[in-house]
Protein backbone atom coordinates (compact mmCIF):
# COMPACT_ATOMS: atom_id res chain seq x y z
CA MET A 1 7.55 11.76 10.99
CA GLU A 2 5.05 9.79 13.06
CA PRO A 3 2.58 12.62 14.05
CA ARG A 4 2.55 13.90 10.16
CA SER A 5 1.92 10.01 9.41
CA VAL A 6 -1.10 9.84 11.91
CA LYS A 7 -2.36 13.26 10.33
CA LEU A 8 -2.26 11.69 6.76
CA LYS A 9 -4.15 8.83 7.71
CA TYR A 10 -6.90 10.69 9.13
CA VAL A 11 -6.78 12.85 6.02
CA LYS A 12 -7.55 9.60 4.06
CA LEU A 13 -9.64 8.54 6.34
CA GLY A 14 -12.08 11.65 6.38
CA TYR A 15 -11.62 11.85 2.33
CA GLN A 16 -12.59 8.07 2.28
CA TYR A 17 -15.69 9.22 4.22
CA LEU A 18 -16.49 12.38 2.29
CA VAL A 19 -16.69 10.62 -1.30
CA ASN A 20 -17.77 6.91 -0.34
CA HIS A 21 -21.25 8.98 1.71
CA PHE A 22 -21.26 11.92 -0.96
CA LEU A 23 -25.09 11.04 -1.85
CA TYR A 24 -26.06 10.66 2.02
CA LEU A 25 -24.44 13.84 2.92
CA LEU A 26 -25.97 15.84 0.17
CA LEU A 27 -29.25 14.42 0.82
CA ILE A 28 -29.47 15.42 4.59
CA PRO A 29 -29.57 19.39 3.77
CA ILE A 30 -32.12 18.41 1.20
CA MET A 31 -34.30 16.37 3.47
CA ALA A 32 -33.94 18.88 6.63
CA ALA A 33 -35.32 21.56 4.55
CA VAL A 34 -38.13 19.87 2.96
CA SER A 35 -39.00 18.75 6.61
CA ILE A 36 -38.67 22.45 8.16
CA GLN A 37 -41.22 23.79 5.06
CA VAL A 38 -43.37 20.97 5.88
CA LEU A 39 -43.57 21.50 9.73
CA SER A 40 -44.02 25.35 9.25
CA MET A 41 -47.43 24.44 7.21
CA GLY A 42 -50.48 24.35 9.42
CA PRO A 43 -52.89 21.32 8.42
CA GLY A 44 -55.04 23.35 6.94
CA GLU A 45 -51.98 24.35 4.52
CA ILE A 46 -51.21 20.82 3.92
CA ILE A 47 -54.93 19.66 2.75
CA THR A 48 -55.10 22.69 0.50
CA SER A 49 -51.71 21.89 -1.52
CA LEU A 50 -53.19 18.14 -1.57
CA ARG A 51 -55.93 19.21 -3.03
CA SER A 52 -54.20 21.53 -5.80
CA LEU A 53 -53.04 18.48 -7.01
CA GLN A 54 -56.59 17.63 -8.86
CA LEU A 55 -55.48 13.95 -9.13
CA ASP A 56 -58.48 11.88 -10.30
CA LEU A 57 -58.99 8.16 -10.09
CA ILE A 58 -57.87 7.17 -13.62
CA GLN A 59 -54.73 9.67 -12.95
CA VAL A 60 -54.32 7.06 -9.64
CA LEU A 61 -54.88 4.07 -11.29
CA CYS A 62 -52.51 4.28 -14.35
CA SER A 63 -49.69 5.94 -12.11
CA SER A 64 -49.99 2.56 -9.62
CA PHE A 65 -50.32 0.43 -12.86
CA LEU A 66 -46.94 1.81 -14.05
CA ILE A 67 -45.12 2.03 -10.49
CA ILE A 68 -46.37 -2.09 -10.27
CA PHE A 69 -45.12 -2.45 -14.01
CA ILE A 70 -41.70 -0.96 -13.43
CA SER A 71 -41.45 -2.80 -10.24
CA THR A 72 -42.14 -6.72 -11.90
CA VAL A 73 -39.54 -6.03 -14.69
CA TYR A 74 -37.25 -5.10 -12.54
CA PHE A 75 -37.45 -7.68 -10.19
CA MET A 76 -38.17 -10.41 -13.18
CA SER A 77 -34.50 -9.49 -14.98
CA LYS A 78 -32.77 -9.30 -11.51
CA PRO A 79 -30.35 -12.09 -11.73
CA ARG A 80 -31.40 -14.49 -9.40
CA SER A 81 -28.78 -14.96 -6.11
CA VAL A 82 -26.23 -17.74 -6.46
CA TYR A 83 -25.54 -19.35 -2.82
CA LEU A 84 -22.69 -21.64 -1.50
CA VAL A 85 -24.22 -23.98 0.68
CA ASP A 86 -21.31 -25.44 1.87
CA TYR A 87 -18.03 -27.17 0.70
CA ALA A 88 -15.66 -29.66 1.86
CA CYS A 89 -12.14 -30.36 1.01
CA PHE A 90 -9.71 -33.52 0.89
CA LYS A 91 -7.49 -34.27 3.25
CA PRO A 92 -5.05 -36.82 2.20
CA PRO A 93 -4.26 -39.66 4.67
CA VAL A 94 -1.13 -39.51 7.14
CA ALA A 95 0.31 -42.51 5.22
CA LEU A 96 0.76 -40.42 1.73
CA ARG A 97 2.78 -38.03 3.60
CA VAL A 98 6.07 -36.72 1.85
CA PRO A 99 8.92 -35.53 4.21
CA PHE A 100 11.24 -33.22 2.76
CA SER A 101 13.70 -36.47 3.40
CA THR A 102 11.86 -38.76 1.41
CA PHE A 103 11.25 -36.50 -1.38
CA MET A 104 15.04 -36.22 -1.93
CA GLU A 105 15.47 -39.68 -1.54
CA HIS A 106 13.30 -40.71 -4.24
CA SER A 107 14.56 -38.14 -6.54
CA ARG A 108 18.36 -39.43 -5.95
CA LEU A 109 17.17 -43.01 -6.60
CA ASN A 110 15.20 -41.96 -9.50
CA LEU A 111 17.77 -39.29 -11.40
CA LYS A 112 20.80 -41.43 -10.27
CA ASP A 113 22.27 -40.76 -13.47
CA ASN A 114 21.91 -36.86 -13.39
CA PRO A 115 23.00 -35.33 -10.09
CA LYS A 116 22.38 -31.61 -11.48
CA SER A 117 19.01 -32.65 -11.60
CA VAL A 118 18.77 -33.76 -8.49
CA ASP A 119 20.41 -30.70 -6.60
CA PHE A 120 18.18 -28.47 -8.61
CA GLN A 121 15.18 -30.07 -6.88
CA MET A 122 16.76 -29.49 -3.72
CA ARG A 123 17.24 -26.08 -4.32
CA ILE A 124 13.44 -25.33 -5.46
CA LEU A 125 12.24 -27.14 -2.64
CA GLU A 126 14.49 -25.50 -0.04
CA ARG A 127 12.90 -22.26 -1.38
CA SER A 128 9.40 -23.81 -2.18
CA GLY A 129 7.43 -22.64 0.72
CA LEU A 130 6.22 -26.59 1.36
CA GLY A 131 6.19 -27.92 4.46
CA GLU A 132 7.02 -31.47 5.85
CA GLU A 133 3.40 -32.87 5.69
CA THR A 134 2.57 -32.17 2.10
CA CYS A 135 1.06 -35.78 0.25
CA LEU A 136 1.72 -37.51 -2.92
CA PRO A 137 -0.50 -40.36 -4.44
CA PRO A 138 1.12 -44.13 -3.81
CA ALA A 139 2.09 -44.61 -7.57
CA ILE A 140 4.47 -41.70 -7.40
CA GLN A 141 6.05 -43.23 -3.96
CA TYR A 142 6.91 -46.41 -5.81
CA ILE A 143 10.53 -46.40 -7.03
CA PRO A 144 10.36 -45.97 -9.57
CA PRO A 145 7.23 -44.30 -10.03
CA ASN A 146 4.36 -46.54 -11.77
CA PRO A 147 1.93 -43.79 -12.92
CA SER A 148 -0.53 -46.45 -14.75
CA MET A 149 -4.02 -45.83 -15.99
CA GLU A 150 -5.38 -47.88 -12.93
CA ALA A 151 -3.39 -45.75 -10.35
CA ALA A 152 -4.46 -42.27 -11.77
CA ARG A 153 -8.19 -43.72 -11.70
CA GLY A 154 -7.43 -44.78 -8.37
CA GLU A 155 -6.29 -41.37 -6.80
CA ALA A 156 -9.13 -39.46 -8.72
CA GLU A 157 -11.96 -41.77 -6.64
CA MET A 158 -9.89 -41.15 -3.52
CA VAL A 159 -9.84 -37.40 -3.45
CA ILE A 160 -13.35 -36.75 -5.67
CA PHE A 161 -15.10 -39.41 -3.71
CA GLN A 162 -13.69 -38.30 -0.38
CA SER A 163 -14.95 -34.93 -0.92
CA ILE A 164 -18.24 -35.74 -2.30
CA ASP A 165 -18.95 -38.04 0.77
CA GLN A 166 -18.05 -35.25 3.33
CA LEU A 167 -20.09 -32.72 1.71
CA LEU A 168 -23.59 -34.54 1.04
CA GLN A 169 -22.93 -35.58 4.93
CA LYS A 170 -22.76 -31.77 5.92
CA THR A 171 -25.65 -30.50 3.67
CA GLY A 172 -27.54 -33.60 3.84
CA VAL A 173 -28.54 -32.99 0.04
CA LYS A 174 -29.18 -36.64 -1.42
CA PRO A 175 -27.22 -37.30 -5.10
CA LYS A 176 -30.55 -37.45 -6.97
CA ASP A 177 -31.30 -33.66 -5.63
CA ILE A 178 -28.37 -32.84 -7.95
CA ASP A 179 -29.41 -31.09 -11.06
CA MET A 180 -26.16 -30.16 -12.10
CA LEU A 181 -22.34 -31.47 -12.31
CA ILE A 182 -19.18 -29.93 -12.82
CA VAL A 183 -15.79 -31.44 -12.54
CA ASN A 184 -12.44 -29.77 -13.42
CA CYS A 185 -9.45 -31.76 -13.77
CA SER A 186 -6.51 -29.87 -15.89
CA LEU A 187 -4.33 -32.61 -16.75
CA PHE A 188 -6.17 -36.28 -16.57
CA SER A 189 -9.07 -36.60 -19.24
CA PRO A 190 -9.90 -40.24 -19.26
CA THR A 191 -12.82 -42.11 -21.19
CA PRO A 192 -15.56 -42.12 -19.94
CA SER A 193 -14.80 -38.57 -17.86
CA LEU A 194 -14.64 -37.83 -14.21
CA SER A 195 -17.95 -36.64 -14.20
CA ALA A 196 -19.86 -39.61 -15.48
CA MET A 197 -17.07 -41.37 -12.84
CA VAL A 198 -19.48 -39.51 -10.38
CA VAL A 199 -22.58 -40.40 -11.97
CA ASN A 200 -21.91 -43.67 -11.84
CA LYS A 201 -20.67 -43.61 -8.26
CA TYR A 202 -23.84 -42.02 -6.72
CA LYS A 203 -26.29 -43.04 -9.10
CA MET A 204 -27.13 -39.87 -9.93
CA ARG A 205 -30.57 -38.82 -12.27
CA SER A 206 -30.38 -39.50 -15.95
CA ASN A 207 -31.50 -35.92 -17.11
CA ILE A 208 -28.53 -34.46 -14.75
CA LYS A 209 -26.58 -31.93 -16.77
CA SER A 210 -23.26 -32.80 -16.35
CA PHE A 211 -19.67 -31.11 -17.58
CA ASN A 212 -16.24 -32.29 -17.76
CA LEU A 213 -13.72 -29.24 -18.03
CA SER A 214 -9.91 -30.04 -18.89
CA GLY A 215 -6.68 -28.46 -19.55
CA MET A 216 -7.58 -25.15 -18.14
CA GLY A 217 -4.77 -25.10 -15.59
CA CYS A 218 -5.14 -23.90 -12.00
CA SER A 219 -7.38 -21.03 -12.36
CA CYS A 220 -10.00 -23.60 -13.20
CA ASN A 221 -12.38 -23.73 -10.41
CA PRO A 222 -13.20 -19.45 -10.98
CA ILE A 223 -14.43 -20.91 -14.63
CA SER A 224 -16.42 -24.00 -12.95
CA ILE A 225 -18.11 -21.39 -10.33
CA ASP A 226 -18.93 -19.09 -13.48
CA LEU A 227 -20.52 -22.02 -15.61
CA ALA A 228 -22.61 -23.36 -12.53
CA ARG A 229 -23.67 -19.59 -11.98
CA ASP A 230 -24.82 -19.17 -15.26
CA LEU A 231 -26.78 -23.09 -15.47
CA LEU A 232 -28.45 -21.41 -12.20
CA GLN A 233 -29.89 -18.12 -13.99
CA VAL A 234 -31.61 -20.72 -16.54
CA HIS A 235 -32.79 -23.73 -14.06
CA PRO A 236 -34.53 -22.06 -11.58
CA SER A 237 -34.60 -24.26 -8.24
CA SER A 238 -31.71 -26.05 -8.42
CA TYR A 239 -28.69 -27.26 -6.94
CA ALA A 240 -25.29 -27.33 -8.79
CA LEU A 241 -22.42 -29.67 -7.43
CA VAL A 242 -19.02 -28.69 -8.52
CA ILE A 243 -15.22 -30.55 -8.09
CA SER A 244 -12.10 -29.21 -8.77
CA THR A 245 -8.90 -31.13 -8.53
CA GLU A 246 -5.83 -32.26 -9.91
CA ILE A 247 -4.65 -35.52 -10.75
CA ILE A 248 -0.83 -36.03 -10.14
CA THR A 249 -0.15 -39.60 -10.98
CA PRO A 250 -0.25 -39.41 -14.82
CA ASN A 251 1.71 -36.15 -14.78
CA TYR A 252 5.12 -36.58 -12.94
CA TYR A 253 8.26 -35.77 -14.75
CA ARG A 254 11.11 -38.54 -15.08
CA GLY A 255 12.98 -36.57 -17.24
CA ASN A 256 16.12 -33.92 -16.30
CA GLN A 257 14.62 -30.94 -18.16
CA ARG A 258 14.66 -28.20 -15.35
CA ALA A 259 11.66 -26.59 -16.53
CA MET A 260 9.64 -29.67 -16.40
CA LEU A 261 11.15 -30.59 -13.07
CA LEU A 262 9.87 -27.56 -11.23
CA PRO A 263 6.16 -28.92 -11.27
CA ASN A 264 7.42 -32.00 -9.38
CA CYS A 265 8.40 -29.90 -6.51
CA LEU A 266 5.25 -27.88 -5.83
CA PHE A 267 2.11 -30.16 -6.89
CA ARG A 268 0.94 -31.88 -4.53
CA MET A 269 -2.96 -33.95 -3.69
CA GLY A 270 -5.93 -31.87 -3.19
CA CYS A 271 -9.35 -31.76 -4.23
CA ALA A 272 -12.65 -29.63 -3.03
CA ALA A 273 -16.13 -30.11 -3.84
CA MET A 274 -19.10 -27.07 -3.59
CA LEU A 275 -22.50 -26.97 -3.39
CA LEU A 276 -23.99 -24.05 -5.32
CA SER A 277 -27.85 -23.43 -5.03
CA ASN A 278 -30.37 -20.62 -6.14
CA LYS A 279 -33.17 -22.04 -3.64
CA ARG A 280 -34.51 -19.37 -1.76
CA LYS A 281 -34.56 -22.04 1.19
CA GLU A 282 -30.75 -22.09 1.18
CA ARG A 283 -30.77 -18.61 2.07
CA ARG A 284 -30.59 -18.88 5.49
CA ARG A 285 -28.00 -21.23 6.04
CA ALA A 286 -26.15 -21.09 3.03
CA LYS A 287 -22.06 -19.60 4.19
CA TYR A 288 -21.93 -17.30 1.00
CA ARG A 289 -23.17 -15.51 -1.49
CA LEU A 290 -21.32 -15.01 -5.25
CA LEU A 291 -21.24 -11.38 -6.17
CA HIS A 292 -19.12 -11.62 -8.98
CA VAL A 293 -16.50 -13.93 -10.96
CA VAL A 294 -14.00 -11.93 -13.64
CA ARG A 295 -12.38 -14.01 -16.25
CA THR A 296 -8.97 -12.66 -18.17
CA HIS A 297 -7.50 -15.02 -21.07
CA LYS A 298 -4.15 -13.35 -22.79
CA GLY A 299 -4.21 -16.46 -25.08
CA ALA A 300 -3.77 -14.12 -28.09
CA ASP A 301 -0.49 -13.39 -27.00
CA ASP A 302 2.08 -16.19 -27.96
CA LYS A 303 4.07 -15.56 -25.08
CA ALA A 304 1.56 -15.84 -22.68
CA TYR A 305 -0.21 -19.01 -24.70
CA ARG A 306 2.95 -20.99 -24.00
CA CYS A 307 4.38 -19.96 -21.00
CA VAL A 308 2.64 -23.30 -19.32
CA TYR A 309 2.81 -25.82 -22.03
CA GLU A 310 2.55 -29.56 -21.62
CA GLU A 311 5.23 -31.16 -24.29
CA GLU A 312 7.51 -33.86 -24.57
CA ASP A 313 11.41 -32.93 -23.96
CA PRO A 314 13.85 -34.30 -26.15
CA GLU A 315 13.73 -37.82 -24.68
CA GLY A 316 10.30 -38.12 -25.62
CA LYS A 317 9.10 -37.46 -21.76
CA VAL A 318 6.15 -35.76 -21.21
CA GLY A 319 6.07 -33.00 -18.87
CA ILE A 320 4.72 -29.71 -17.84
CA SER A 321 7.39 -26.98 -19.28
CA LEU A 322 7.36 -23.37 -16.90
CA SER A 323 8.37 -20.38 -18.86
CA LYS A 324 11.25 -18.19 -17.09
CA ASP A 325 8.54 -15.19 -17.99
CA LEU A 326 5.80 -16.64 -15.97
CA MET A 327 5.85 -13.91 -13.48
CA ALA A 328 5.83 -11.29 -15.87
CA ILE A 329 2.86 -12.62 -17.95
CA ALA A 330 0.95 -13.47 -14.49
CA GLY A 331 1.37 -9.53 -13.66
CA GLU A 332 -0.21 -8.51 -16.57
CA ALA A 333 -2.87 -10.77 -16.21
CA LEU A 334 -3.46 -9.46 -13.27
CA LYS A 335 -3.66 -5.99 -14.36
CA SER A 336 -6.15 -6.92 -16.78
CA ASN A 337 -8.20 -8.89 -14.10
CA ILE A 338 -8.52 -5.96 -11.34
CA THR A 339 -9.07 -3.23 -13.94
CA THR A 340 -12.31 -5.32 -14.76
CA ILE A 341 -13.16 -6.14 -11.28
CA GLY A 342 -12.03 -2.73 -9.90
CA PRO A 343 -15.27 -0.63 -10.76
CA LEU A 344 -17.43 -3.70 -9.28
CA VAL A 345 -15.88 -3.60 -5.74
CA LEU A 346 -14.13 -0.35 -5.17
CA PRO A 347 -15.69 1.94 -3.21
CA ALA A 348 -15.91 5.38 -4.92
CA SER A 349 -12.80 7.29 -3.36
CA GLU A 350 -10.48 4.88 -4.77
CA GLN A 351 -12.10 4.75 -7.92
CA LEU A 352 -11.90 8.72 -8.07
CA LEU A 353 -8.24 8.50 -7.16
CA PHE A 354 -7.79 5.67 -10.07
CA LEU A 355 -9.52 8.10 -12.33
CA LEU A 356 -7.46 11.05 -11.48
CA SER A 357 -4.13 9.18 -11.68
CA LEU A 358 -5.29 7.98 -15.25
CA ILE A 359 -6.02 11.36 -16.43
CA GLY A 360 -2.82 13.17 -15.04
CA ARG A 361 -0.57 10.17 -16.88
CA LYS A 362 -2.37 10.81 -20.22
CA ILE A 363 -2.47 14.68 -20.06
CA PHE A 364 0.32 15.77 -17.90
CA ASN A 365 3.18 13.26 -17.59
CA HIS A 366 2.95 9.75 -18.85
CA LYS A 367 5.88 8.74 -16.30
CA TRP A 368 4.00 9.42 -13.27
CA LYS A 369 3.57 6.32 -11.27
CA PRO A 370 0.42 4.68 -11.44
CA TYR A 371 -2.15 4.58 -8.47
CA ILE A 372 -2.67 1.19 -7.43
CA PRO A 373 -6.24 1.10 -5.83
CA ASP A 374 -6.79 -0.28 -1.92
CA PHE A 375 -8.49 -3.39 -2.46
CA LYS A 376 -8.42 -3.81 1.28
CA GLN A 377 -11.06 -1.05 0.90
CA ALA A 378 -13.20 -3.43 -0.54
CA PHE A 379 -12.11 -6.71 0.77
CA ASP A 380 -12.08 -8.49 3.86
CA HIS A 381 -10.15 -11.65 3.30
CA PHE A 382 -8.07 -12.46 0.22
CA CYS A 383 -7.48 -16.41 -1.18
CA ILE A 384 -4.52 -16.12 -3.20
CA HIS A 385 -4.04 -19.47 -5.63
CA ALA A 386 -1.03 -21.32 -3.46
CA GLY A 387 0.72 -21.87 -6.99
CA GLY A 388 4.29 -21.25 -5.00
CA ARG A 389 6.07 -18.44 -2.63
CA ALA A 390 6.94 -16.30 -5.63
CA VAL A 391 3.22 -16.06 -6.85
CA ILE A 392 2.17 -14.84 -3.53
CA ASP A 393 5.12 -12.62 -2.64
CA GLU A 394 4.33 -10.92 -6.06
CA LEU A 395 0.87 -10.54 -5.54
CA GLN A 396 1.54 -9.07 -2.09
CA LYS A 397 3.77 -6.34 -2.86
CA ASN A 398 1.47 -5.44 -6.06
CA LEU A 399 -1.81 -5.41 -4.03
CA GLN A 400 -0.03 -3.91 -1.13
CA LEU A 401 -1.47 -6.61 1.10
CA SER A 402 -0.29 -7.26 4.66
CA THR A 403 1.05 -10.17 5.79
CA GLU A 404 -2.01 -11.45 7.75
CA HIS A 405 -3.75 -10.72 4.39
CA VAL A 406 -1.60 -13.56 2.64
CA GLU A 407 -1.43 -15.73 5.65
CA ALA A 408 -4.30 -18.04 4.55
CA SER A 409 -2.33 -18.85 0.83
CA ARG A 410 1.38 -19.36 3.01
CA MET A 411 -0.10 -21.53 5.28
CA THR A 412 -1.89 -23.77 2.65
CA LEU A 413 1.22 -23.99 0.31
CA HIS A 414 3.02 -24.62 3.48
CA ARG A 415 0.31 -27.62 4.78
CA PHE A 416 -0.77 -29.07 1.44
CA GLY A 417 1.40 -27.55 -1.15
CA ASN A 418 -0.11 -26.62 -4.67
CA THR A 419 -3.18 -28.32 -4.77
CA SER A 420 -3.97 -26.53 -8.20
CA SER A 421 -7.56 -25.27 -8.51
CA SER A 422 -8.58 -26.50 -5.20
CA SER A 423 -5.99 -24.75 -3.28
CA LEU A 424 -8.75 -21.47 -3.08
CA TRP A 425 -10.71 -23.38 -1.06
CA TYR A 426 -8.00 -24.93 1.42
CA GLU A 427 -7.35 -21.11 2.37
CA LEU A 428 -11.00 -20.63 2.40
CA SER A 429 -11.11 -22.87 5.11
CA TYR A 430 -7.99 -21.85 6.76
CA ILE A 431 -9.83 -18.70 7.49
CA GLU A 432 -12.60 -20.05 9.02
CA ALA A 433 -10.84 -22.63 11.25
CA LYS A 434 -9.18 -19.28 12.28
CA GLY A 435 -12.72 -18.10 13.61
CA ARG A 436 -11.96 -14.97 11.08
CA MET A 437 -15.15 -15.11 8.89
CA ARG A 438 -17.98 -12.99 10.18
CA ARG A 439 -21.64 -11.86 8.70
CA GLY A 440 -21.07 -9.37 5.74
CA ASP A 441 -17.43 -10.03 5.23
CA ARG A 442 -16.13 -10.07 1.49
CA VAL A 443 -13.66 -12.47 0.16
CA TRP A 444 -11.52 -12.18 -3.00
CA GLN A 445 -10.63 -15.76 -4.68
CA ILE A 446 -7.66 -14.80 -7.41
CA ALA A 447 -6.48 -17.63 -9.33
CA PHE A 448 -3.89 -18.11 -12.35
CA GLY A 449 -3.87 -20.75 -15.02
CA SER A 450 -2.27 -21.99 -18.11
CA GLY A 451 -3.40 -20.39 -21.37
CA PHE A 452 -2.70 -17.72 -19.60
CA LYS A 453 -5.68 -16.96 -17.44
CA CYS A 454 -6.29 -14.78 -14.39
CA ASN A 455 -9.86 -15.61 -12.89
CA SER A 456 -11.21 -14.23 -9.63
CA ALA A 457 -14.86 -14.72 -7.81
CA VAL A 458 -16.07 -12.52 -4.94
CA TRP A 459 -18.09 -13.64 -2.57
CA VAL A 460 -19.80 -12.51 0.77
CA CYS A 461 -20.05 -14.24 3.77
CA ASN A 462 -23.92 -14.95 4.45
CA ARG A 463 -23.78 -15.80 8.19
CA SER A 464 -21.01 -15.40 10.81
CA ILE A 465 -19.09 -18.88 10.78
CA LYS A 466 -18.15 -20.68 13.72
CA PRO A 467 -14.53 -22.82 13.75
CA PRO A 468 -15.29 -26.09 12.54
CA THR A 469 -14.62 -29.03 13.95
CA ASP A 470 -13.75 -31.19 10.83
CA GLY A 471 -12.25 -30.15 8.04
CA PRO A 472 -8.34 -30.31 6.64
CA TRP A 473 -7.43 -27.81 9.35
CA ALA A 474 -8.69 -29.48 11.97
CA ASP A 475 -6.07 -31.37 13.95
CA CYS A 476 -3.56 -28.85 13.17
CA ILE A 477 -4.66 -25.15 13.12
CA HIS A 478 -3.45 -24.82 16.67
CA ARG A 479 0.00 -24.69 15.51
CA TYR A 480 -0.72 -22.26 12.44
CA PRO A 481 0.38 -19.29 11.48
CA VAL A 482 3.96 -21.19 11.53
CA ASN A 483 7.36 -19.44 10.47
CA ILE A 484 8.47 -20.16 7.00
CA PRO A 485 12.16 -19.14 6.38
CA GLU A 486 13.52 -17.88 3.26
CA ILE A 487 15.35 -20.98 2.77
CA VAL A 488 15.18 -24.49 4.33
CA LYS A 489 18.44 -26.18 4.38
CA LEU A 490 18.24 -29.80 3.45
């Protein structure tokens, strides 16, 4: 069996090389034939052939003008390159750490009249994939919890300001240099907005273009990146600051409905700040260049629309209800997303196999198993939203990824929990901290969110990145990866 598998491996590699380099392989004999023909001619014959063209000055000028005009139109219509100068992730203080024992003790005290709900949360936590160092805001750790507006604002200021401070320090960019500000937070939308809070804190310019996105779930970071990209296409030589976070304080569910207790076990504190720019001077020091953003929205379907739904329980307590159909709906959203992104990123060999499979199913037998493209041919690193162990397992299975490909997602879930829209950046930071990011590497960020949405972003590494001495993983990267058992007995 082993020699046969080795042969099949080399056959597949040969096929991929042949299809992906078909044009080059076709041009080589043509160029060789032309070269041989030219070399066989003497100098006199070459001069005679050139004179026979009978080009006059007007024809030369018109041809030159046409070439210059076409080149100008091409470069003027070409989209501006968008660079990720740098980014920073919030690292919660140790004092806010919530070990399993603390979480379960608080659950027993807060739900003392409903031991079944306590047992349910314990079973979820045992299988969650979270570790002992995830963090919750102070107001949630009170007994009973005190999710006030003041406490929620305090959490927002803590996570957002620390992330921005780190980013500005790393890049040397001043607040007044920022032209666009985008803040996304799904469930906490106060007045004044969080974007206004940032403008006030850093005394930004009065003509700054600020946006505050809410209610768009864990997949909102690619949406914010897409908005920043569109703005940077219109406004030359600009900086865009993007903040992605989720404020936990006002959204802690204190009822007994199991579908609403699930988020309590998974969501934890987190925030990420990104500085994007279209300035040419940033090209050399920028970490990444944005290639694609693909957004998929399944909200037209009622089940998809309601699978992550904020509502009141029978006792009037507000929470986020997660449907049992969530994983199936996420799978359908992923299929739609990869159908769109596939032609943009997959090599010709994979696209041809997918096309032949599609034609075979349509014409010959619709029961044929559909061909799943090998996205490992298109990407070097995968950042899958750390929404939970089941999400990562499902994507690893569907995309046929190795353990190493999903390592960043699993370790982020273990160390920081589900930090909502910012989780993609903790995962990217993990890859960098491991020293795996090289110039030219491609990164695929995939996120899922309420609505229901599947959004993804593709980046290419602009320069080889050395493991950073700071960041969220600085003091613990030497311990990772860790073994995460299927069940942690509490």
